[in-house]
Amino acid sequence: MKAIGESLPSTFTTETARAHGVHPRDLYAWRDAGQVVELSRGVFRRADAPPASYPDVLAVAYRSPRAIVCCVSAAALHELTDEMPPAVQIAVPKRSHAPVIDYPPVTVFRFEETTFELGLSSFEAGPGEAVRIYDAARTVVDLMRFRRRLGEPIAHTALNRYLSSLGARPAMLLEYAEALGTFGPVRAALDVASAR
């Protein structure tokens, strides 16, 4: 069995391993020996790598690089909710192919292409490994847009936590809400929250 080379990154795909001259036979032998961990089909992490804070999110990002972490998953990462969704929630452009990922569980939202990258940010899912995510303001607006599907309490908790956080920008919420076609509900929720 070939030894794991230093050139392989902490998290990598089968394709990356092949590009580094690793035969699939060696890759699966490493997995069976515990030298790499399979995070998802075709996505591996070196056992000697520093632990990833969010391995499920990292695995999904490698399986669907264009996807953006959204809704309750993004709210949990921004500490806008205590809810933990049973599946990683990601957004993909409306006309693109939705990824089919068995593990970790994934919920796919289809967003308009014209506003798909509005509020795009990133966070570190593992040391030095950035994953695409919507910023806190966009996350709040998306939760308001999907409040009937995801729950009014989650949306209002996220809004209140966002407003009480350092650097909160209510004007940005309204700007995003207007671009995403949910200005009225966001404006009403802001009025209620500021009246308290």
Foldseek 3Di string as FASTA:
>chain_A
DDDDDPPDDQKDFPVVCVVVVHDVVNVVVCCVVVQWPAQFVRMIGGPPADDFQASQLLNVCVQPVQKAQAAPLLCVVVVLDPDDDQAGEIEDAQPDDDGDTPPPHYDYDHDHPVCRCPQWDWDGRGVVDIGIYHDLLLRLLVCLVCCVPPHPVSSLSSVLVLVPDPPRDLVVNQVSCVVRVNNVSSVVSVVVSVVD
